[in-house]
Amino acid sequence: MEYESPNPVQKSRLSLKLKPIFVGQLFIMETLGHPAYHYHDGSFNIVLMANEGITPTFISEYAQTKSSEIFVYEDDIEEINNRLKDELTKITRSLSIGNIKKNAIKHTNLLSMQMSNLYKDPFNDDILVNQFQSSRNFSTLLLNNKDIHRSVFRSISNSNYHYTFTQPLLSSVMLLSFLQYLRLFSEKEMENLFLTSYFKDIGMSFIPREKFEIANLDEFDQKLFSKHAENSMLILQGRVPFSEGQLNIIKNHHFLNYKIQSLISHQEIPDDDTYLTGIESTLISAIDILIAMTTHRPYRTPISSFKALELLKKVISDEYPQEYKALVIFLKNFSSR
């Protein structure tokens, strides 16, 4: 359906009132109180009128033909956030009722939507606490239902959310599944590691979205990315119940990346307390790297699991040979089910 475009004066004001959201978030809304817009070639064009019914067909066609983002008024964003919080809280309380796999997949969609909002407003305590509580309940569901891990992982992989929101969830689901396979950790330890993994990249919220589409970053942007782990720790510290150990893992979770880069560039990593390592940090970092290398990015194609494991072998097999062998076997089984 075509709508009359705003006049030049209205267009200049729209940029001050509109914010982008992932179009999939409209699934939880029946209508919006204001029009919604598509931004193209420097211009806002109406694609949905105020109080017009929102249908799955509209969302699907918009995503396929226009963009993954749609611009809406801030008042509507507040309403979307409130509705999302309510929906997430509702399903979090009833995850084990009915079809557990279906509930889990719906839960991951809602978590991804809210993580998108959290990236835009990382100091919003209401969103952060709700996301933390919901993801903790989700980890409990996974711990109690090993048989759904693969289906949930595949559903996240096939979703259309930006990789900055799916990467932490994919890594955390695989991590928890691997931890259960190892049988070295208690359920509480596995829950804590799942949450640590899931929130470890929240510091990326300080990085402009367009930077995630670039293959070759300049020196300034490289420093910006390198600070995200420390920023994640600072964002979370004192706001959610993470222990000092969990915060240290978050702060240092890229130490394996630095080891890999040192292999490529033939430069040594500083031998000091900057890089705190241990089995928990190693597993979180290894799974995160594995997921990152084997999933698509806008600036590169993924590599095979075999190649990713060969690279990881060079940085973890000497210190943790049994865990590395277990990871190879686990991944083979996880991928073939």
C-alpha atoms as a PDB file:
ATOM      1  CA  MET A   1       0.000   0.000   0.000  1.00  0.00           C
ATOM      2  CA  GLU A   2       1.306   3.459  -0.913  1.00  0.00           C
ATOM      3  CA  TYR A   3       0.979   6.443   1.411  1.00  0.00           C
ATOM      4  CA  GLU A   4       1.518  10.155   0.946  1.00  0.00           C
ATOM      5  CA  SER A   5       5.087  11.081   1.872  1.00  0.00           C
ATOM      6  CA  PRO A   6       5.772  13.772   4.489  1.00  0.00           C
ATOM      7  CA  ASN A   7       6.434  17.292   3.215  1.00  0.00           C
ATOM      8  CA  PRO A   8       9.993  18.771   3.512  1.00  0.00           C
ATOM      9  CA  VAL A   9       9.310  20.471   6.857  1.00  0.00           C
ATOM     10  CA  GLN A  10       7.876  17.289   8.330  1.00  0.00           C
ATOM     11  CA  LYS A  11      10.817  15.280   7.022  1.00  0.00           C
ATOM     12  CA  SER A  12      13.332  17.522   8.785  1.00  0.00           C
ATOM     13  CA  ARG A  13      11.510  17.016  12.068  1.00  0.00           C
ATOM     14  CA  LEU A  14      11.122  13.269  11.692  1.00  0.00           C
ATOM     15  CA  SER A  15      14.828  12.608  12.197  1.00  0.00           C
ATOM     16  CA  LEU A  16      14.473  14.031  15.714  1.00  0.00           C
ATOM     17  CA  LYS A  17      11.442  11.929  16.607  1.00  0.00           C
ATOM     18  CA  LEU A  18      12.094   8.555  14.976  1.00  0.00           C
ATOM     19  CA  LYS A  19      14.331   5.691  16.033  1.00  0.00           C
ATOM     20  CA  PRO A  20      15.113   2.425  14.184  1.00  0.00           C
ATOM     21  CA  ILE A  21      13.981  -0.922  15.555  1.00  0.00           C
ATOM     22  CA  PHE A  22      14.212  -4.449  14.196  1.00  0.00           C
ATOM     23  CA  VAL A  23      11.035  -4.926  12.168  1.00  0.00           C
ATOM     24  CA  GLY A  24      10.465  -8.324  13.775  1.00  0.00           C
ATOM     25  CA  GLN A  25       9.655  -6.564  17.041  1.00  0.00           C
ATOM     26  CA  LEU A  26       6.333  -5.527  15.526  1.00  0.00           C
ATOM     27  CA  PHE A  27       5.172  -9.152  15.894  1.00  0.00           C
ATOM     28  CA  ILE A  28       4.222  -8.386  19.490  1.00  0.00           C
ATOM     29  CA  MET A  29       2.128  -5.337  18.512  1.00  0.00           C
ATOM     30  CA  GLU A  30      -1.360  -5.128  17.027  1.00  0.00           C
ATOM     31  CA  THR A  31      -1.071  -1.460  16.032  1.00  0.00           C
ATOM     32  CA  LEU A  32       1.132   1.584  16.590  1.00  0.00           C
ATOM     33  CA  GLY A  33      -0.024   4.971  17.848  1.00  0.00           C
ATOM     34  CA  HIS A  34       1.920   6.792  15.113  1.00  0.00           C
ATOM     35  CA  PRO A  35       2.952   6.045  11.527  1.00  0.00           C
ATOM     36  CA  ALA A  36       6.035   3.899  10.854  1.00  0.00           C
ATOM     37  CA  TYR A  37       8.593   4.738   8.174  1.00  0.00           C
ATOM     38  CA  HIS A  38      11.160   3.235   5.870  1.00  0.00           C
ATOM     39  CA  TYR A  39      14.333   5.299   5.460  1.00  0.00           C
ATOM     40  CA  HIS A  40      15.812   5.222   1.960  1.00  0.00           C
ATOM     41  CA  ASP A  41      18.099   7.572   0.029  1.00  0.00           C
ATOM     42  CA  GLY A  42      17.956  10.202   2.752  1.00  0.00           C
ATOM     43  CA  SER A  43      14.173  10.260   2.952  1.00  0.00           C
ATOM     44  CA  PHE A  44      11.517   8.874   5.309  1.00  0.00           C
ATOM     45  CA  ASN A  45       8.546   7.193   3.608  1.00  0.00           C
ATOM     46  CA  ILE A  46       5.419   6.041   5.407  1.00  0.00           C
ATOM     47  CA  VAL A  47       4.894   2.281   5.257  1.00  0.00           C
ATOM     48  CA  LEU A  48       2.370   1.860   8.079  1.00  0.00           C
ATOM     49  CA  MET A  49      -0.287   4.287   9.246  1.00  0.00           C
ATOM     50  CA  ALA A  50      -1.182   4.987  12.857  1.00  0.00           C
ATOM     51  CA  ASN A  51      -3.642   2.413  14.246  1.00  0.00           C
ATOM     52  CA  GLU A  52      -3.342   0.281  11.098  1.00  0.00           C
ATOM     53  CA  GLY A  53      -3.353  -3.440  11.845  1.00  0.00           C
ATOM     54  CA  ILE A  54       0.079  -5.065  11.872  1.00  0.00           C
ATOM     55  CA  THR A  55       0.071  -8.450  10.136  1.00  0.00           C
ATOM     56  CA  PRO A  56       2.739 -11.152   9.746  1.00  0.00           C
ATOM     57  CA  THR A  57       2.486 -10.607   5.996  1.00  0.00           C
ATOM     58  CA  PHE A  58       3.385  -6.926   6.323  1.00  0.00           C
ATOM     59  CA  ILE A  59       6.394  -7.707   8.535  1.00  0.00           C
ATOM     60  CA  SER A  60       7.625 -10.485   6.253  1.00  0.00           C
ATOM     61  CA  GLU A  61       7.245  -8.459   3.048  1.00  0.00           C
ATOM     62  CA  TYR A  62       8.863  -5.392   4.607  1.00  0.00           C
ATOM     63  CA  ALA A  63      11.859  -7.428   5.774  1.00  0.00           C
ATOM     64  CA  GLN A  64      12.245  -9.080   2.364  1.00  0.00           C
ATOM     65  CA  THR A  65      11.790  -6.021   0.158  1.00  0.00           C
ATOM     66  CA  LYS A  66      12.920  -3.049   2.228  1.00  0.00           C
ATOM     67  CA  SER A  67      15.046  -3.525   5.337  1.00  0.00           C
ATOM     68  CA  SER A  68      15.500  -5.345   8.626  1.00  0.00           C
ATOM     69  CA  GLU A  69      14.931  -2.007  10.365  1.00  0.00           C
ATOM     70  CA  ILE A  70      11.857   0.178  10.496  1.00  0.00           C
ATOM     71  CA  PHE A  71      11.629   3.691  11.960  1.00  0.00           C
ATOM     72  CA  VAL A  72       9.002   4.412  14.607  1.00  0.00           C
ATOM     73  CA  TYR A  73       8.226   7.191  17.067  1.00  0.00           C
ATOM     74  CA  GLU A  74       9.863   7.150  20.496  1.00  0.00           C
ATOM     75  CA  ASP A  75       6.451   6.905  22.173  1.00  0.00           C
ATOM     76  CA  ASP A  76       5.780   3.716  20.216  1.00  0.00           C
ATOM     77  CA  ILE A  77       9.217   2.362  21.115  1.00  0.00           C
ATOM     78  CA  GLU A  78       8.386   2.764  24.786  1.00  0.00           C
ATOM     79  CA  GLU A  79       5.143   0.852  24.241  1.00  0.00           C
ATOM     80  CA  ILE A  80       6.983  -1.866  22.270  1.00  0.00           C
ATOM     81  CA  ASN A  81       9.564  -2.196  25.050  1.00  0.00           C
ATOM     82  CA  ASN A  82       6.852  -2.493  27.695  1.00  0.00           C
ATOM     83  CA  ARG A  83       4.966  -5.088  25.653  1.00  0.00           C
ATOM     84  CA  LEU A  84       8.177  -7.002  25.014  1.00  0.00           C
ATOM     85  CA  LYS A  85       9.000  -7.026  28.712  1.00  0.00           C
ATOM     86  CA  ASP A  86       5.503  -8.292  29.532  1.00  0.00           C
ATOM     87  CA  GLU A  87       5.678 -11.026  26.871  1.00  0.00           C
ATOM     88  CA  LEU A  88       9.134 -12.087  27.973  1.00  0.00           C
ATOM     89  CA  THR A  89       8.107 -12.199  31.625  1.00  0.00           C
ATOM     90  CA  LYS A  90       4.979 -14.155  30.763  1.00  0.00           C
ATOM     91  CA  ILE A  91       6.743 -16.856  28.776  1.00  0.00           C
ATOM     92  CA  THR A  92       9.629 -16.976  31.267  1.00  0.00           C
ATOM     93  CA  ARG A  93       7.153 -17.984  33.959  1.00  0.00           C
ATOM     94  CA  SER A  94       5.612 -20.720  31.822  1.00  0.00           C
ATOM     95  CA  LEU A  95       8.570 -22.178  29.914  1.00  0.00           C
ATOM     96  CA  SER A  96       7.928 -25.695  31.200  1.00  0.00           C
ATOM     97  CA  ILE A  97       4.202 -25.660  30.429  1.00  0.00           C
ATOM     98  CA  GLY A  98       3.066 -27.192  27.139  1.00  0.00           C
ATOM     99  CA  ASN A  99       5.453 -27.651  24.209  1.00  0.00           C
ATOM    100  CA  ILE A 100       8.860 -26.995  25.771  1.00  0.00           C
ATOM    101  CA  LYS A 101      10.804 -26.776  22.501  1.00  0.00           C
ATOM    102  CA  LYS A 102       8.296 -24.331  21.019  1.00  0.00           C
ATOM    103  CA  ASN A 103       8.416 -22.245  24.196  1.00  0.00           C
ATOM    104  CA  ALA A 104      12.225 -22.210  24.147  1.00  0.00           C
ATOM    105  CA  ILE A 105      12.374 -21.041  20.537  1.00  0.00           C
ATOM    106  CA  LYS A 106       9.848 -18.285  21.194  1.00  0.00           C
ATOM    107  CA  HIS A 107      11.863 -17.309  24.239  1.00  0.00           C
ATOM    108  CA  THR A 108      15.069 -16.939  22.212  1.00  0.00           C
ATOM    109  CA  ASN A 109      13.257 -14.658  19.758  1.00  0.00           C
ATOM    110  CA  LEU A 110      12.066 -12.419  22.586  1.00  0.00           C
ATOM    111  CA  LEU A 111      15.503 -12.450  24.212  1.00  0.00           C
ATOM    112  CA  SER A 112      17.092 -11.377  20.909  1.00  0.00           C
ATOM    113  CA  MET A 113      14.587  -8.552  20.517  1.00  0.00           C
ATOM    114  CA  GLN A 114      15.246  -7.301  24.022  1.00  0.00           C
ATOM    115  CA  MET A 115      19.008  -7.632  23.623  1.00  0.00           C
ATOM    116  CA  SER A 116      18.661  -5.311  20.649  1.00  0.00           C
ATOM    117  CA  ASN A 117      16.955  -2.783  22.917  1.00  0.00           C
ATOM    118  CA  LEU A 118      19.593  -3.260  25.599  1.00  0.00           C
ATOM    119  CA  TYR A 119      22.362  -2.495  23.107  1.00  0.00           C
ATOM    120  CA  LYS A 120      20.632   0.780  22.350  1.00  0.00           C
ATOM    121  CA  ASP A 121      20.171   1.643  26.026  1.00  0.00           C
ATOM    122  CA  PRO A 122      22.728  -0.376  28.052  1.00  0.00           C
ATOM    123  CA  PHE A 123      22.211   1.659  31.224  1.00  0.00           C
ATOM    124  CA  ASN A 124      18.479   1.010  31.386  1.00  0.00           C
ATOM    125  CA  ASP A 125      18.258  -0.993  34.621  1.00  0.00           C
ATOM    126  CA  ASP A 126      14.722  -2.156  33.918  1.00  0.00           C
ATOM    127  CA  ILE A 127      15.663  -3.765  30.595  1.00  0.00           C
ATOM    128  CA  LEU A 128      18.920  -5.207  31.931  1.00  0.00           C
ATOM    129  CA  VAL A 129      17.371  -6.813  35.017  1.00  0.00           C
ATOM    130  CA  ASN A 130      14.495  -8.257  32.995  1.00  0.00           C
ATOM    131  CA  GLN A 131      16.925  -9.659  30.429  1.00  0.00           C
ATOM    132  CA  PHE A 132      19.091 -11.139  33.174  1.00  0.00           C
ATOM    133  CA  GLN A 133      16.194 -12.813  34.971  1.00  0.00           C
ATOM    134  CA  SER A 134      14.734 -14.145  31.723  1.00  0.00           C
ATOM    135  CA  SER A 135      18.041 -15.550  30.478  1.00  0.00           C
ATOM    136  CA  ARG A 136      18.695 -17.195  33.853  1.00  0.00           C
ATOM    137  CA  ASN A 137      15.340 -18.982  33.628  1.00  0.00           C
ATOM    138  CA  PHE A 138      16.175 -19.952  30.067  1.00  0.00           C
ATOM    139  CA  SER A 139      19.431 -21.550  31.206  1.00  0.00           C
ATOM    140  CA  THR A 140      17.465 -23.608  33.738  1.00  0.00           C
ATOM    141  CA  LEU A 141      15.174 -24.826  30.967  1.00  0.00           C
ATOM    142  CA  LEU A 142      18.165 -25.871  28.880  1.00  0.00           C
ATOM    143  CA  LEU A 143      19.788 -27.638  31.817  1.00  0.00           C
ATOM    144  CA  ASN A 144      16.624 -29.664  32.372  1.00  0.00           C
ATOM    145  CA  ASN A 145      15.991 -30.450  28.696  1.00  0.00           C
ATOM    146  CA  LYS A 146      19.141 -31.605  26.902  1.00  0.00           C
ATOM    147  CA  ASP A 147      17.155 -32.892  23.953  1.00  0.00           C
ATOM    148  CA  ILE A 148      16.121 -29.402  22.764  1.00  0.00           C
ATOM    149  CA  HIS A 149      19.598 -27.835  22.600  1.00  0.00           C
ATOM    150  CA  ARG A 150      20.216 -28.596  18.940  1.00  0.00           C
ATOM    151  CA  SER A 151      16.766 -27.440  17.789  1.00  0.00           C
ATOM    152  CA  VAL A 152      17.056 -24.205  19.750  1.00  0.00           C
ATOM    153  CA  PHE A 153      20.561 -23.576  18.391  1.00  0.00           C
ATOM    154  CA  ARG A 154      19.396 -24.183  14.822  1.00  0.00           C
ATOM    155  CA  SER A 155      16.434 -21.843  15.266  1.00  0.00           C
ATOM    156  CA  ILE A 156      18.701 -19.036  16.464  1.00  0.00           C
ATOM    157  CA  SER A 157      21.099 -19.693  13.573  1.00  0.00           C
ATOM    158  CA  ASN A 158      18.267 -19.383  11.057  1.00  0.00           C
ATOM    159  CA  SER A 159      16.823 -16.196  12.526  1.00  0.00           C
ATOM    160  CA  ASN A 160      17.162 -12.798  10.868  1.00  0.00           C
ATOM    161  CA  TYR A 161      18.451 -10.928  13.892  1.00  0.00           C
ATOM    162  CA  HIS A 162      21.746  -9.063  13.576  1.00  0.00           C
ATOM    163  CA  TYR A 163      24.715 -11.254  14.462  1.00  0.00           C
ATOM    164  CA  THR A 164      25.655  -9.011  17.398  1.00  0.00           C
ATOM    165  CA  PHE A 165      22.454 -10.222  19.130  1.00  0.00           C
ATOM    166  CA  THR A 166      22.564 -13.862  18.026  1.00  0.00           C
ATOM    167  CA  GLN A 167      26.288 -14.485  18.595  1.00  0.00           C
ATOM    168  CA  PRO A 168      26.094 -14.327  22.435  1.00  0.00           C
ATOM    169  CA  LEU A 169      23.015 -16.554  22.491  1.00  0.00           C
ATOM    170  CA  LEU A 170      24.460 -19.121  20.082  1.00  0.00           C
ATOM    171  CA  SER A 171      27.712 -19.223  22.050  1.00  0.00           C
ATOM    172  CA  SER A 172      25.924 -19.604  25.361  1.00  0.00           C
ATOM    173  CA  VAL A 173      23.579 -22.371  24.205  1.00  0.00           C
ATOM    174  CA  MET A 174      26.487 -24.375  22.777  1.00  0.00           C
ATOM    175  CA  LEU A 175      28.616 -23.656  25.847  1.00  0.00           C
ATOM    176  CA  LEU A 176      25.974 -24.954  28.239  1.00  0.00           C
ATOM    177  CA  SER A 177      25.438 -28.045  26.111  1.00  0.00           C
ATOM    178  CA  PHE A 178      29.189 -28.721  26.083  1.00  0.00           C
ATOM    179  CA  LEU A 179      29.485 -28.156  29.833  1.00  0.00           C
ATOM    180  CA  GLN A 180      26.800 -30.762  30.430  1.00  0.00           C
ATOM    181  CA  TYR A 181      28.673 -33.118  28.120  1.00  0.00           C
ATOM    182  CA  LEU A 182      31.899 -32.631  30.116  1.00  0.00           C
ATOM    183  CA  ARG A 183      30.252 -33.335  33.485  1.00  0.00           C
ATOM    184  CA  LEU A 184      32.871 -31.262  35.297  1.00  0.00           C
ATOM    185  CA  PHE A 185      30.628 -28.512  36.631  1.00  0.00           C
ATOM    186  CA  SER A 186      27.643 -28.274  38.948  1.00  0.00           C
ATOM    187  CA  GLU A 187      24.325 -26.963  37.650  1.00  0.00           C
ATOM    188  CA  LYS A 188      24.873 -23.646  39.449  1.00  0.00           C
ATOM    189  CA  GLU A 189      28.330 -23.285  37.888  1.00  0.00           C
ATOM    190  CA  MET A 190      26.910 -24.043  34.446  1.00  0.00           C
ATOM    191  CA  GLU A 191      24.146 -21.471  34.940  1.00  0.00           C
ATOM    192  CA  ASN A 192      26.709 -18.841  35.974  1.00  0.00           C
ATOM    193  CA  LEU A 193      28.920 -19.599  32.982  1.00  0.00           C
ATOM    194  CA  PHE A 194      25.929 -19.445  30.641  1.00  0.00           C
ATOM    195  CA  LEU A 195      25.036 -15.984  31.956  1.00  0.00           C
ATOM    196  CA  THR A 196      28.656 -14.839  31.848  1.00  0.00           C
ATOM    197  CA  SER A 197      28.900 -15.913  28.227  1.00  0.00           C
ATOM    198  CA  TYR A 198      25.586 -14.346  27.286  1.00  0.00           C
ATOM    199  CA  PHE A 199      26.317 -10.876  28.681  1.00  0.00           C
ATOM    200  CA  LYS A 200      30.033 -10.715  27.904  1.00  0.00           C
ATOM    201  CA  ASP A 201      29.621  -8.582  24.750  1.00  0.00           C
ATOM    202  CA  ILE A 202      27.232  -5.924  26.047  1.00  0.00           C
ATOM    203  CA  GLY A 203      30.126  -3.442  25.819  1.00  0.00           C
ATOM    204  CA  MET A 204      29.700  -3.562  22.041  1.00  0.00           C
ATOM    205  CA  SER A 205      26.728  -1.273  22.590  1.00  0.00           C
ATOM    206  CA  PHE A 206      29.240   1.605  22.547  1.00  0.00           C
ATOM    207  CA  ILE A 207      30.272   0.755  18.981  1.00  0.00           C
ATOM    208  CA  PRO A 208      28.316   2.339  16.079  1.00  0.00           C
ATOM    209  CA  ARG A 209      26.221  -0.239  14.233  1.00  0.00           C
ATOM    210  CA  GLU A 210      27.824   0.418  10.849  1.00  0.00           C
ATOM    211  CA  LYS A 211      31.234  -0.620  12.191  1.00  0.00           C
ATOM    212  CA  PHE A 212      30.031  -4.227  12.444  1.00  0.00           C
ATOM    213  CA  GLU A 213      29.683  -4.392   8.660  1.00  0.00           C
ATOM    214  CA  ILE A 214      33.312  -3.460   7.895  1.00  0.00           C
ATOM    215  CA  ALA A 215      36.091  -5.962   7.188  1.00  0.00           C
ATOM    216  CA  ASN A 216      39.134  -3.704   7.540  1.00  0.00           C
ATOM    217  CA  LEU A 217      38.859  -1.376  10.513  1.00  0.00           C
ATOM    218  CA  ASP A 218      41.180   1.599  10.969  1.00  0.00           C
ATOM    219  CA  GLU A 219      43.373   1.900  14.069  1.00  0.00           C
ATOM    220  CA  PHE A 220      40.821   3.963  15.997  1.00  0.00           C
ATOM    221  CA  ASP A 221      38.019   1.452  15.367  1.00  0.00           C
ATOM    222  CA  GLN A 222      40.274  -1.448  16.283  1.00  0.00           C
ATOM    223  CA  LYS A 223      40.906   0.170  19.662  1.00  0.00           C
ATOM    224  CA  LEU A 224      37.168   0.739  20.041  1.00  0.00           C
ATOM    225  CA  PHE A 225      36.504  -2.966  19.508  1.00  0.00           C
ATOM    226  CA  SER A 226      39.365  -4.016  21.768  1.00  0.00           C
ATOM    227  CA  LYS A 227      37.812  -2.053  24.655  1.00  0.00           C
ATOM    228  CA  HIS A 228      34.426  -3.762  24.445  1.00  0.00           C
ATOM    229  CA  ALA A 229      35.285  -6.533  26.934  1.00  0.00           C
ATOM    230  CA  GLU A 230      36.330  -4.068  29.614  1.00  0.00           C
ATOM    231  CA  ASN A 231      33.291  -1.914  28.836  1.00  0.00           C
ATOM    232  CA  SER A 232      31.070  -4.973  29.254  1.00  0.00           C
ATOM    233  CA  MET A 233      32.462  -5.490  32.743  1.00  0.00           C
ATOM    234  CA  LEU A 234      31.934  -1.825  33.643  1.00  0.00           C
ATOM    235  CA  ILE A 235      28.356  -1.836  32.355  1.00  0.00           C
ATOM    236  CA  LEU A 236      27.423  -4.941  34.359  1.00  0.00           C
ATOM    237  CA  GLN A 237      29.368  -4.316  37.567  1.00  0.00           C
ATOM    238  CA  GLY A 238      27.040  -3.726  40.516  1.00  0.00           C
ATOM    239  CA  ARG A 239      23.891  -3.876  38.384  1.00  0.00           C
ATOM    240  CA  VAL A 240      23.376  -7.644  38.081  1.00  0.00           C
ATOM    241  CA  PRO A 241      24.540 -10.319  40.568  1.00  0.00           C
ATOM    242  CA  PHE A 242      27.799 -11.270  38.867  1.00  0.00           C
ATOM    243  CA  SER A 243      30.692 -12.394  41.059  1.00  0.00           C
ATOM    244  CA  GLU A 244      34.176 -10.925  40.764  1.00  0.00           C
ATOM    245  CA  GLY A 245      35.201 -14.110  38.983  1.00  0.00           C
ATOM    246  CA  GLN A 246      32.459 -13.737  36.386  1.00  0.00           C
ATOM    247  CA  LEU A 247      33.376 -10.088  35.812  1.00  0.00           C
ATOM    248  CA  ASN A 248      37.041 -11.022  35.364  1.00  0.00           C
ATOM    249  CA  ILE A 249      36.088 -13.639  32.785  1.00  0.00           C
ATOM    250  CA  ILE A 250      34.062 -11.010  30.917  1.00  0.00           C
ATOM    251  CA  LYS A 251      36.919  -8.519  31.068  1.00  0.00           C
ATOM    252  CA  ASN A 252      39.394 -11.074  29.710  1.00  0.00           C
ATOM    253  CA  HIS A 253      37.212 -13.195  27.450  1.00  0.00           C
ATOM    254  CA  HIS A 254      39.136 -12.213  24.323  1.00  0.00           C
ATOM    255  CA  PHE A 255      42.475 -13.585  25.484  1.00  0.00           C
ATOM    256  CA  LEU A 256      42.279 -16.529  23.051  1.00  0.00           C
ATOM    257  CA  ASN A 257      41.635 -14.068  20.212  1.00  0.00           C
ATOM    258  CA  TYR A 258      44.872 -12.321  21.160  1.00  0.00           C
ATOM    259  CA  LYS A 259      46.695 -15.669  21.133  1.00  0.00           C
ATOM    260  CA  ILE A 260      45.361 -16.409  17.663  1.00  0.00           C
ATOM    261  CA  GLN A 261      46.343 -12.952  16.423  1.00  0.00           C
ATOM    262  CA  SER A 262      49.815 -13.434  17.885  1.00  0.00           C
ATOM    263  CA  LEU A 263      50.167 -16.642  15.863  1.00  0.00           C
ATOM    264  CA  ILE A 264      49.166 -14.804  12.703  1.00  0.00           C
ATOM    265  CA  SER A 265      51.307 -11.714  13.328  1.00  0.00           C
ATOM    266  CA  HIS A 266      54.171 -13.553  15.113  1.00  0.00           C
ATOM    267  CA  GLN A 267      53.978 -11.140  18.051  1.00  0.00           C
ATOM    268  CA  GLU A 268      54.100 -12.255  21.667  1.00  0.00           C
ATOM    269  CA  ILE A 269      51.300 -11.540  24.144  1.00  0.00           C
ATOM    270  CA  PRO A 270      52.441  -9.523  27.176  1.00  0.00           C
ATOM    271  CA  ASP A 271      53.187 -11.902  30.044  1.00  0.00           C
ATOM    272  CA  ASP A 272      51.374 -10.123  32.865  1.00  0.00           C
ATOM    273  CA  ASP A 273      48.053 -10.040  34.699  1.00  0.00           C
ATOM    274  CA  THR A 274      46.291  -8.406  31.761  1.00  0.00           C
ATOM    275  CA  TYR A 275      45.138 -11.804  30.544  1.00  0.00           C
ATOM    276  CA  LEU A 276      43.616 -13.863  33.338  1.00  0.00           C
ATOM    277  CA  THR A 277      43.015 -17.395  32.109  1.00  0.00           C
ATOM    278  CA  GLY A 278      41.553 -20.600  33.462  1.00  0.00           C
ATOM    279  CA  ILE A 279      39.391 -23.490  32.299  1.00  0.00           C
ATOM    280  CA  GLU A 280      36.167 -21.436  32.556  1.00  0.00           C
ATOM    281  CA  SER A 281      37.617 -18.496  30.593  1.00  0.00           C
ATOM    282  CA  THR A 282      39.132 -20.849  28.037  1.00  0.00           C
ATOM    283  CA  LEU A 283      35.870 -22.685  27.369  1.00  0.00           C
ATOM    284  CA  ILE A 284      33.835 -19.481  27.065  1.00  0.00           C
ATOM    285  CA  SER A 285      36.399 -17.907  24.754  1.00  0.00           C
ATOM    286  CA  ALA A 286      36.882 -21.063  22.665  1.00  0.00           C
ATOM    287  CA  ILE A 287      33.164 -21.571  22.034  1.00  0.00           C
ATOM    288  CA  ASP A 288      32.742 -17.888  21.241  1.00  0.00           C
ATOM    289  CA  ILE A 289      35.546 -18.027  18.665  1.00  0.00           C
ATOM    290  CA  LEU A 290      34.162 -21.251  17.209  1.00  0.00           C
ATOM    291  CA  ILE A 291      30.724 -19.715  16.694  1.00  0.00           C
ATOM    292  CA  ALA A 292      32.155 -16.486  15.286  1.00  0.00           C
ATOM    293  CA  MET A 293      34.344 -18.251  12.735  1.00  0.00           C
ATOM    294  CA  THR A 294      31.674 -20.700  11.555  1.00  0.00           C
ATOM    295  CA  THR A 295      28.800 -18.224  11.126  1.00  0.00           C
ATOM    296  CA  HIS A 296      28.238 -15.646   8.406  1.00  0.00           C
ATOM    297  CA  ARG A 297      29.325 -12.024   8.699  1.00  0.00           C
ATOM    298  CA  PRO A 298      28.484  -9.173   6.292  1.00  0.00           C
ATOM    299  CA  TYR A 299      32.171  -8.817   5.441  1.00  0.00           C
ATOM    300  CA  ARG A 300      33.181 -12.499   5.117  1.00  0.00           C
ATOM    301  CA  THR A 301      31.959 -16.032   4.609  1.00  0.00           C
ATOM    302  CA  PRO A 302      32.150 -18.619   7.411  1.00  0.00           C
ATOM    303  CA  ILE A 303      34.827 -21.277   7.615  1.00  0.00           C
ATOM    304  CA  SER A 304      34.222 -24.958   8.334  1.00  0.00           C
ATOM    305  CA  SER A 305      34.101 -26.354  11.864  1.00  0.00           C
ATOM    306  CA  PHE A 306      37.148 -28.459  10.995  1.00  0.00           C
ATOM    307  CA  LYS A 307      39.248 -25.388  10.137  1.00  0.00           C
ATOM    308  CA  ALA A 308      38.015 -23.546  13.227  1.00  0.00           C
ATOM    309  CA  LEU A 309      38.957 -26.495  15.449  1.00  0.00           C
ATOM    310  CA  GLU A 310      42.391 -26.711  13.840  1.00  0.00           C
ATOM    311  CA  LEU A 311      42.997 -23.083  14.730  1.00  0.00           C
ATOM    312  CA  LEU A 312      41.726 -23.545  18.293  1.00  0.00           C
ATOM    313  CA  LYS A 313      43.961 -26.600  18.645  1.00  0.00           C
ATOM    314  CA  LYS A 314      47.015 -24.368  18.365  1.00  0.00           C
ATOM    315  CA  VAL A 315      46.000 -22.218  21.326  1.00  0.00           C
ATOM    316  CA  ILE A 316      44.276 -24.560  23.801  1.00  0.00           C
ATOM    317  CA  SER A 317      45.301 -28.185  23.183  1.00  0.00           C
ATOM    318  CA  ASP A 318      48.647 -27.961  25.037  1.00  0.00           C
ATOM    319  CA  GLU A 319      47.118 -26.586  28.232  1.00  0.00           C
ATOM    320  CA  TYR A 320      43.773 -28.391  28.050  1.00  0.00           C
ATOM    321  CA  PRO A 321      44.275 -31.503  25.861  1.00  0.00           C
ATOM    322  CA  GLN A 322      41.395 -33.527  27.320  1.00  0.00           C
ATOM    323  CA  GLU A 323      38.911 -30.667  27.055  1.00  0.00           C
ATOM    324  CA  TYR A 324      40.005 -30.001  23.462  1.00  0.00           C
ATOM    325  CA  LYS A 325      39.493 -33.646  22.499  1.00  0.00           C
ATOM    326  CA  ALA A 326      36.104 -33.582  24.208  1.00  0.00           C
ATOM    327  CA  LEU A 327      35.173 -30.451  22.250  1.00  0.00           C
ATOM    328  CA  VAL A 328      36.009 -32.155  18.933  1.00  0.00           C
ATOM    329  CA  ILE A 329      33.856 -35.176  19.775  1.00  0.00           C
ATOM    330  CA  PHE A 330      31.045 -33.040  21.181  1.00  0.00           C
ATOM    331  CA  LEU A 331      30.929 -30.786  18.133  1.00  0.00           C
ATOM    332  CA  LYS A 332      30.778 -33.744  15.780  1.00  0.00           C
ATOM    333  CA  ASN A 333      27.774 -35.133  17.662  1.00  0.00           C
ATOM    334  CA  PHE A 334      26.144 -31.738  18.143  1.00  0.00           C
ATOM    335  CA  SER A 335      26.354 -30.925  14.436  1.00  0.00           C
ATOM    336  CA  SER A 336      25.170 -34.304  13.185  1.00  0.00           C
ATOM    337  CA  ARG A 337      22.025 -34.726  15.271  1.00  0.00           C
END
